[in-house]
N, C-alpha and C. Protein backbone atom coordinates (compact mmCIF):
# COMPACT_ATOMS: atom_id res chain seq x y z
N MET A 1 -125.18 89.19 -34.01
CA MET A 1 -124.51 88.78 -32.80
C MET A 1 -124.44 89.99 -31.86
N ARG A 2 -124.82 89.76 -30.63
CA ARG A 2 -124.79 90.83 -29.64
C ARG A 2 -123.38 91.01 -29.09
N ALA A 3 -123.01 92.24 -28.93
CA ALA A 3 -121.70 92.52 -28.32
C ALA A 3 -121.80 92.24 -26.82
N ARG A 4 -120.80 91.58 -26.30
CA ARG A 4 -120.78 91.31 -24.86
C ARG A 4 -120.41 92.57 -24.12
N ARG A 5 -121.10 92.81 -23.06
CA ARG A 5 -120.78 93.97 -22.21
C ARG A 5 -119.82 93.52 -21.12
N ARG A 6 -118.79 94.31 -20.97
CA ARG A 6 -117.85 94.03 -19.89
C ARG A 6 -118.45 94.53 -18.59
N ARG A 7 -118.33 93.73 -17.58
CA ARG A 7 -118.81 94.14 -16.27
C ARG A 7 -117.90 95.22 -15.72
N ARG A 8 -118.47 96.33 -15.33
CA ARG A 8 -117.66 97.42 -14.78
C ARG A 8 -117.34 97.14 -13.33
N GLU A 9 -116.11 97.30 -13.01
CA GLU A 9 -115.69 97.17 -11.62
C GLU A 9 -116.04 98.45 -10.88
N ALA A 10 -116.39 98.30 -9.63
CA ALA A 10 -116.67 99.47 -8.79
C ALA A 10 -115.38 100.27 -8.64
N PHE A 11 -115.53 101.57 -8.57
CA PHE A 11 -114.37 102.45 -8.40
C PHE A 11 -113.65 102.11 -7.10
N GLU A 12 -112.35 101.98 -7.18
CA GLU A 12 -111.52 101.73 -6.00
C GLU A 12 -110.34 102.68 -6.05
N PRO A 13 -110.28 103.61 -5.10
CA PRO A 13 -109.19 104.60 -5.15
C PRO A 13 -107.82 103.95 -4.93
N TYR A 14 -106.81 104.64 -5.44
CA TYR A 14 -105.44 104.20 -5.23
C TYR A 14 -105.01 104.52 -3.80
N GLU A 15 -103.95 103.86 -3.34
CA GLU A 15 -103.49 104.05 -1.97
C GLU A 15 -103.16 105.50 -1.65
N GLN A 16 -102.57 106.22 -2.61
CA GLN A 16 -102.20 107.61 -2.32
C GLN A 16 -103.44 108.48 -2.11
N GLU A 17 -104.53 108.16 -2.80
CA GLU A 17 -105.79 108.89 -2.59
C GLU A 17 -106.39 108.55 -1.22
N THR A 18 -106.29 107.30 -0.85
CA THR A 18 -106.76 106.88 0.47
C THR A 18 -105.92 107.54 1.56
N THR A 19 -104.62 107.57 1.36
CA THR A 19 -103.73 108.22 2.33
C THR A 19 -104.13 109.67 2.53
N ALA A 20 -104.35 110.39 1.45
CA ALA A 20 -104.74 111.81 1.54
C ALA A 20 -106.06 111.96 2.29
N ALA A 21 -107.03 111.09 2.03
CA ALA A 21 -108.32 111.17 2.71
C ALA A 21 -108.18 110.91 4.21
N ILE A 22 -107.35 109.94 4.56
CA ILE A 22 -107.14 109.62 5.98
C ILE A 22 -106.46 110.78 6.70
N LEU A 23 -105.44 111.35 6.07
CA LEU A 23 -104.74 112.49 6.69
C LEU A 23 -105.68 113.69 6.83
N ASP A 24 -106.51 113.95 5.84
CA ASP A 24 -107.49 115.04 5.94
C ASP A 24 -108.46 114.78 7.09
N HIS A 25 -108.90 113.54 7.24
CA HIS A 25 -109.82 113.19 8.33
C HIS A 25 -109.15 113.42 9.68
N TRP A 26 -107.88 113.00 9.81
CA TRP A 26 -107.17 113.21 11.07
C TRP A 26 -107.01 114.70 11.36
N LYS A 27 -106.72 115.50 10.33
CA LYS A 27 -106.57 116.95 10.54
C LYS A 27 -107.85 117.56 11.10
N LEU A 28 -108.99 117.03 10.70
CA LEU A 28 -110.28 117.55 11.18
C LEU A 28 -110.69 116.97 12.53
N CYS A 29 -110.37 115.70 12.77
CA CYS A 29 -110.90 115.00 13.95
C CYS A 29 -109.81 114.42 14.85
N GLY A 30 -108.58 114.84 14.65
CA GLY A 30 -107.49 114.27 15.43
C GLY A 30 -107.53 114.67 16.89
N VAL A 31 -107.06 113.79 17.75
CA VAL A 31 -106.95 114.05 19.18
C VAL A 31 -105.75 114.96 19.41
N PRO A 32 -105.89 115.99 20.27
CA PRO A 32 -104.72 116.82 20.59
C PRO A 32 -103.58 115.95 21.13
N GLY A 33 -102.39 116.25 20.70
CA GLY A 33 -101.22 115.49 21.12
C GLY A 33 -100.97 114.25 20.27
N SER A 34 -101.74 114.09 19.19
CA SER A 34 -101.52 112.96 18.30
C SER A 34 -100.91 113.44 16.99
N LEU A 35 -100.35 112.49 16.26
CA LEU A 35 -99.79 112.79 14.95
C LEU A 35 -100.01 111.57 14.06
N VAL A 36 -100.50 111.82 12.87
CA VAL A 36 -100.59 110.79 11.83
C VAL A 36 -99.85 111.36 10.63
N ALA A 37 -98.82 110.67 10.19
CA ALA A 37 -97.98 111.17 9.11
C ALA A 37 -97.72 110.07 8.08
N ALA A 38 -97.68 110.47 6.84
CA ALA A 38 -97.35 109.53 5.75
C ALA A 38 -95.84 109.39 5.67
N LEU A 39 -95.38 108.17 5.48
CA LEU A 39 -93.97 107.92 5.25
C LEU A 39 -93.74 107.94 3.75
N PRO A 40 -93.01 108.93 3.26
CA PRO A 40 -92.85 109.09 1.80
C PRO A 40 -91.88 108.08 1.23
N ASN A 41 -92.37 106.87 1.04
CA ASN A 41 -91.49 105.77 0.66
C ASN A 41 -92.05 104.97 -0.52
N LYS A 42 -93.05 105.52 -1.20
CA LYS A 42 -93.69 104.79 -2.31
C LYS A 42 -92.67 104.52 -3.41
N ASN A 43 -92.80 103.36 -4.00
CA ASN A 43 -91.93 102.94 -5.11
C ASN A 43 -90.45 102.97 -4.75
N ALA A 44 -90.11 102.46 -3.58
CA ALA A 44 -88.72 102.44 -3.13
C ALA A 44 -88.00 101.26 -3.79
N HIS A 45 -87.49 101.48 -4.94
CA HIS A 45 -86.81 100.41 -5.68
C HIS A 45 -85.33 100.74 -5.83
N GLY A 46 -84.60 100.68 -4.73
CA GLY A 46 -83.17 100.91 -4.78
C GLY A 46 -82.75 102.36 -4.76
N GLN A 47 -83.70 103.26 -4.53
CA GLN A 47 -83.35 104.68 -4.46
C GLN A 47 -82.68 104.95 -3.12
N PRO A 48 -81.60 105.73 -3.10
CA PRO A 48 -80.91 106.02 -1.85
C PRO A 48 -81.86 106.65 -0.83
N GLY A 49 -81.81 106.16 0.40
CA GLY A 49 -82.62 106.71 1.48
C GLY A 49 -84.00 106.09 1.60
N LEU A 50 -84.42 105.28 0.65
CA LEU A 50 -85.73 104.65 0.72
C LEU A 50 -85.58 103.16 1.03
N THR A 51 -86.51 102.63 1.82
CA THR A 51 -86.45 101.23 2.21
C THR A 51 -87.73 100.53 1.78
N PRO A 52 -87.65 99.59 0.87
CA PRO A 52 -88.84 98.86 0.45
C PRO A 52 -89.53 98.18 1.65
N GLY A 53 -90.86 98.27 1.68
CA GLY A 53 -91.63 97.58 2.71
C GLY A 53 -92.05 98.42 3.89
N LEU A 54 -91.53 99.66 4.00
CA LEU A 54 -91.95 100.48 5.14
C LEU A 54 -93.45 100.75 5.05
N PRO A 55 -94.14 100.81 6.21
CA PRO A 55 -95.57 101.09 6.21
C PRO A 55 -95.89 102.49 5.68
N ASP A 56 -97.15 102.70 5.36
CA ASP A 56 -97.58 103.97 4.77
C ASP A 56 -97.76 105.08 5.80
N LEU A 57 -98.23 104.73 7.01
CA LEU A 57 -98.52 105.75 8.02
C LEU A 57 -97.80 105.46 9.32
N MET A 58 -97.38 106.54 9.98
CA MET A 58 -96.80 106.51 11.31
C MET A 58 -97.80 107.19 12.23
N VAL A 59 -98.04 106.62 13.41
CA VAL A 59 -99.07 107.14 14.31
C VAL A 59 -98.50 107.34 15.71
N LEU A 60 -98.64 108.54 16.23
CA LEU A 60 -98.31 108.87 17.62
C LEU A 60 -99.60 109.32 18.28
N SER A 61 -99.85 108.84 19.49
CA SER A 61 -101.04 109.30 20.21
C SER A 61 -100.83 109.15 21.71
N PRO A 62 -101.55 109.95 22.49
CA PRO A 62 -101.44 109.80 23.95
C PRO A 62 -101.79 108.39 24.41
N PHE A 63 -102.74 107.74 23.76
CA PHE A 63 -103.16 106.38 24.12
C PHE A 63 -102.03 105.37 23.94
N LEU A 64 -101.21 105.55 22.91
CA LEU A 64 -100.09 104.62 22.66
C LEU A 64 -98.89 104.90 23.57
N GLY A 65 -98.92 106.03 24.26
CA GLY A 65 -97.81 106.37 25.14
C GLY A 65 -96.51 106.52 24.36
N PRO A 66 -95.44 105.85 24.80
CA PRO A 66 -94.15 106.01 24.13
C PRO A 66 -94.02 105.21 22.83
N LEU A 67 -95.03 104.41 22.51
CA LEU A 67 -94.95 103.58 21.31
C LEU A 67 -95.37 104.36 20.06
N THR A 68 -94.83 103.96 18.94
CA THR A 68 -95.21 104.49 17.64
C THR A 68 -95.94 103.38 16.90
N GLY A 69 -97.13 103.72 16.37
CA GLY A 69 -97.90 102.75 15.60
C GLY A 69 -97.62 102.91 14.12
N PHE A 70 -97.81 101.85 13.37
CA PHE A 70 -97.60 101.86 11.93
C PHE A 70 -98.77 101.19 11.24
N ILE A 71 -99.21 101.79 10.14
CA ILE A 71 -100.31 101.24 9.35
C ILE A 71 -99.85 101.05 7.91
N GLU A 72 -100.05 99.85 7.42
CA GLU A 72 -99.83 99.55 6.00
C GLU A 72 -101.19 99.60 5.33
N LEU A 73 -101.33 100.44 4.32
CA LEU A 73 -102.59 100.60 3.60
C LEU A 73 -102.62 99.71 2.37
N LYS A 74 -103.76 99.11 2.14
CA LYS A 74 -103.95 98.27 0.96
C LYS A 74 -105.32 98.59 0.35
N ARG A 75 -105.41 98.43 -0.95
CA ARG A 75 -106.69 98.58 -1.63
C ARG A 75 -107.60 97.43 -1.21
N MET A 76 -108.90 97.65 -1.27
CA MET A 76 -109.87 96.65 -0.78
C MET A 76 -109.67 95.28 -1.42
N ARG A 77 -109.75 95.21 -2.72
CA ARG A 77 -109.70 93.90 -3.38
C ARG A 77 -108.33 93.61 -3.98
N LEU A 78 -107.62 94.62 -4.40
CA LEU A 78 -106.41 94.40 -5.19
C LEU A 78 -105.12 94.40 -4.38
N GLY A 79 -105.15 94.92 -3.18
CA GLY A 79 -103.91 95.09 -2.42
C GLY A 79 -103.40 93.82 -1.78
N ARG A 80 -102.13 93.54 -2.00
CA ARG A 80 -101.48 92.39 -1.38
C ARG A 80 -100.15 92.86 -0.79
N LEU A 81 -99.76 92.23 0.30
CA LEU A 81 -98.48 92.57 0.91
C LEU A 81 -97.33 91.98 0.09
N SER A 82 -96.31 92.80 -0.13
CA SER A 82 -95.11 92.31 -0.80
C SER A 82 -94.26 91.55 0.23
N PRO A 83 -93.31 90.76 -0.22
CA PRO A 83 -92.41 90.10 0.73
C PRO A 83 -91.70 91.11 1.65
N ALA A 84 -91.28 92.25 1.10
CA ALA A 84 -90.61 93.27 1.93
C ALA A 84 -91.57 93.83 2.98
N GLN A 85 -92.84 94.05 2.62
CA GLN A 85 -93.82 94.55 3.59
C GLN A 85 -94.07 93.53 4.69
N LYS A 86 -94.13 92.25 4.33
CA LYS A 86 -94.31 91.20 5.34
C LYS A 86 -93.12 91.17 6.29
N GLU A 87 -91.92 91.31 5.74
CA GLU A 87 -90.71 91.28 6.57
C GLU A 87 -90.66 92.47 7.53
N ILE A 88 -90.92 93.66 7.02
CA ILE A 88 -90.90 94.86 7.88
C ILE A 88 -92.01 94.78 8.92
N GLY A 89 -93.21 94.35 8.51
CA GLY A 89 -94.32 94.20 9.46
C GLY A 89 -93.97 93.25 10.59
N GLY A 90 -93.32 92.13 10.24
CA GLY A 90 -92.88 91.18 11.26
C GLY A 90 -91.86 91.77 12.20
N LEU A 91 -90.93 92.54 11.66
CA LEU A 91 -89.91 93.19 12.48
C LEU A 91 -90.54 94.20 13.45
N ILE A 92 -91.50 94.98 12.96
CA ILE A 92 -92.20 95.95 13.81
C ILE A 92 -92.91 95.22 14.95
N CYS A 93 -93.60 94.15 14.63
CA CYS A 93 -94.32 93.38 15.66
C CYS A 93 -93.36 92.74 16.66
N GLN A 94 -92.22 92.23 16.19
CA GLN A 94 -91.23 91.64 17.10
C GLN A 94 -90.73 92.66 18.11
N ARG A 95 -90.68 93.92 17.69
CA ARG A 95 -90.20 94.98 18.58
C ARG A 95 -91.30 95.50 19.51
N GLY A 96 -92.52 94.95 19.36
CA GLY A 96 -93.62 95.33 20.26
C GLY A 96 -94.34 96.60 19.88
N ALA A 97 -94.11 97.10 18.68
CA ALA A 97 -94.80 98.32 18.24
C ALA A 97 -96.15 97.95 17.63
N PRO A 98 -97.16 98.80 17.80
CA PRO A 98 -98.45 98.54 17.18
C PRO A 98 -98.32 98.56 15.66
N TYR A 99 -98.93 97.59 15.00
CA TYR A 99 -98.86 97.47 13.55
C TYR A 99 -100.18 96.92 13.04
N ALA A 100 -100.66 97.49 11.95
CA ALA A 100 -101.92 97.01 11.36
C ALA A 100 -101.85 97.13 9.85
N VAL A 101 -102.45 96.17 9.18
CA VAL A 101 -102.68 96.23 7.74
C VAL A 101 -104.15 96.55 7.58
N CYS A 102 -104.46 97.66 6.93
CA CYS A 102 -105.84 98.13 6.79
C CYS A 102 -106.19 98.29 5.32
N ARG A 103 -107.42 97.95 5.00
CA ARG A 103 -107.91 98.03 3.62
C ARG A 103 -108.94 99.14 3.50
N GLY A 104 -108.88 99.81 2.33
CA GLY A 104 -109.85 100.87 2.06
C GLY A 104 -109.62 102.10 2.91
N ARG A 105 -110.68 102.89 3.10
CA ARG A 105 -110.58 104.12 3.88
C ARG A 105 -111.10 103.94 5.30
N ASP A 106 -112.14 103.12 5.48
CA ASP A 106 -112.77 103.00 6.79
C ASP A 106 -111.94 102.22 7.79
N GLU A 107 -111.29 101.14 7.36
CA GLU A 107 -110.49 100.34 8.29
C GLU A 107 -109.37 101.15 8.96
N PRO A 108 -108.59 101.93 8.20
CA PRO A 108 -107.54 102.70 8.90
C PRO A 108 -108.11 103.76 9.83
N ILE A 109 -109.25 104.34 9.49
CA ILE A 109 -109.86 105.33 10.38
C ILE A 109 -110.28 104.67 11.69
N GLU A 110 -110.85 103.46 11.59
CA GLU A 110 -111.21 102.73 12.81
C GLU A 110 -109.97 102.36 13.62
N GLN A 111 -108.88 102.02 12.94
CA GLN A 111 -107.63 101.69 13.64
C GLN A 111 -107.09 102.93 14.36
N LEU A 112 -107.15 104.07 13.71
CA LEU A 112 -106.70 105.31 14.36
C LEU A 112 -107.55 105.63 15.59
N ARG A 113 -108.85 105.35 15.52
CA ARG A 113 -109.72 105.53 16.70
C ARG A 113 -109.28 104.58 17.82
N ALA A 114 -109.03 103.34 17.46
CA ALA A 114 -108.63 102.34 18.45
C ALA A 114 -107.31 102.71 19.11
N TRP A 115 -106.43 103.34 18.37
CA TRP A 115 -105.14 103.76 18.92
C TRP A 115 -105.19 105.14 19.55
N GLY A 116 -106.36 105.74 19.62
CA GLY A 116 -106.54 107.00 20.32
C GLY A 116 -106.07 108.24 19.56
N ALA A 117 -105.93 108.15 18.25
CA ALA A 117 -105.49 109.31 17.47
C ALA A 117 -106.67 110.12 16.90
N LEU A 118 -107.88 109.53 16.92
CA LEU A 118 -109.08 110.20 16.40
C LEU A 118 -110.16 110.22 17.47
N ARG A 119 -110.97 111.29 17.44
CA ARG A 119 -112.14 111.37 18.32
C ARG A 119 -113.25 110.51 17.77
């Protein structure tokens, strides 16, 4: 009897690895007067000072003017929004702030270009 081979899934980095890659890219190619910063809120499960559902990145750029943009990062195939992330995303949009859910590494980089934070 032949042993069945398990199909190997393609490598998919974790969100924190994607976050680091995006921030490194911004440091190299960022527009002067812009800021892309990670919100250190991972695994906010009742810890004082942390709020479940906050987006992963905060974006300031001359193109956005006085507005602050927010990006929620998700893995390509495995990432799903939690109820708290949906609620916070809706609140951000109600307030008129730019908000995007981006998958992988390329989507958030394109979003940062669209918001004027990258050359």
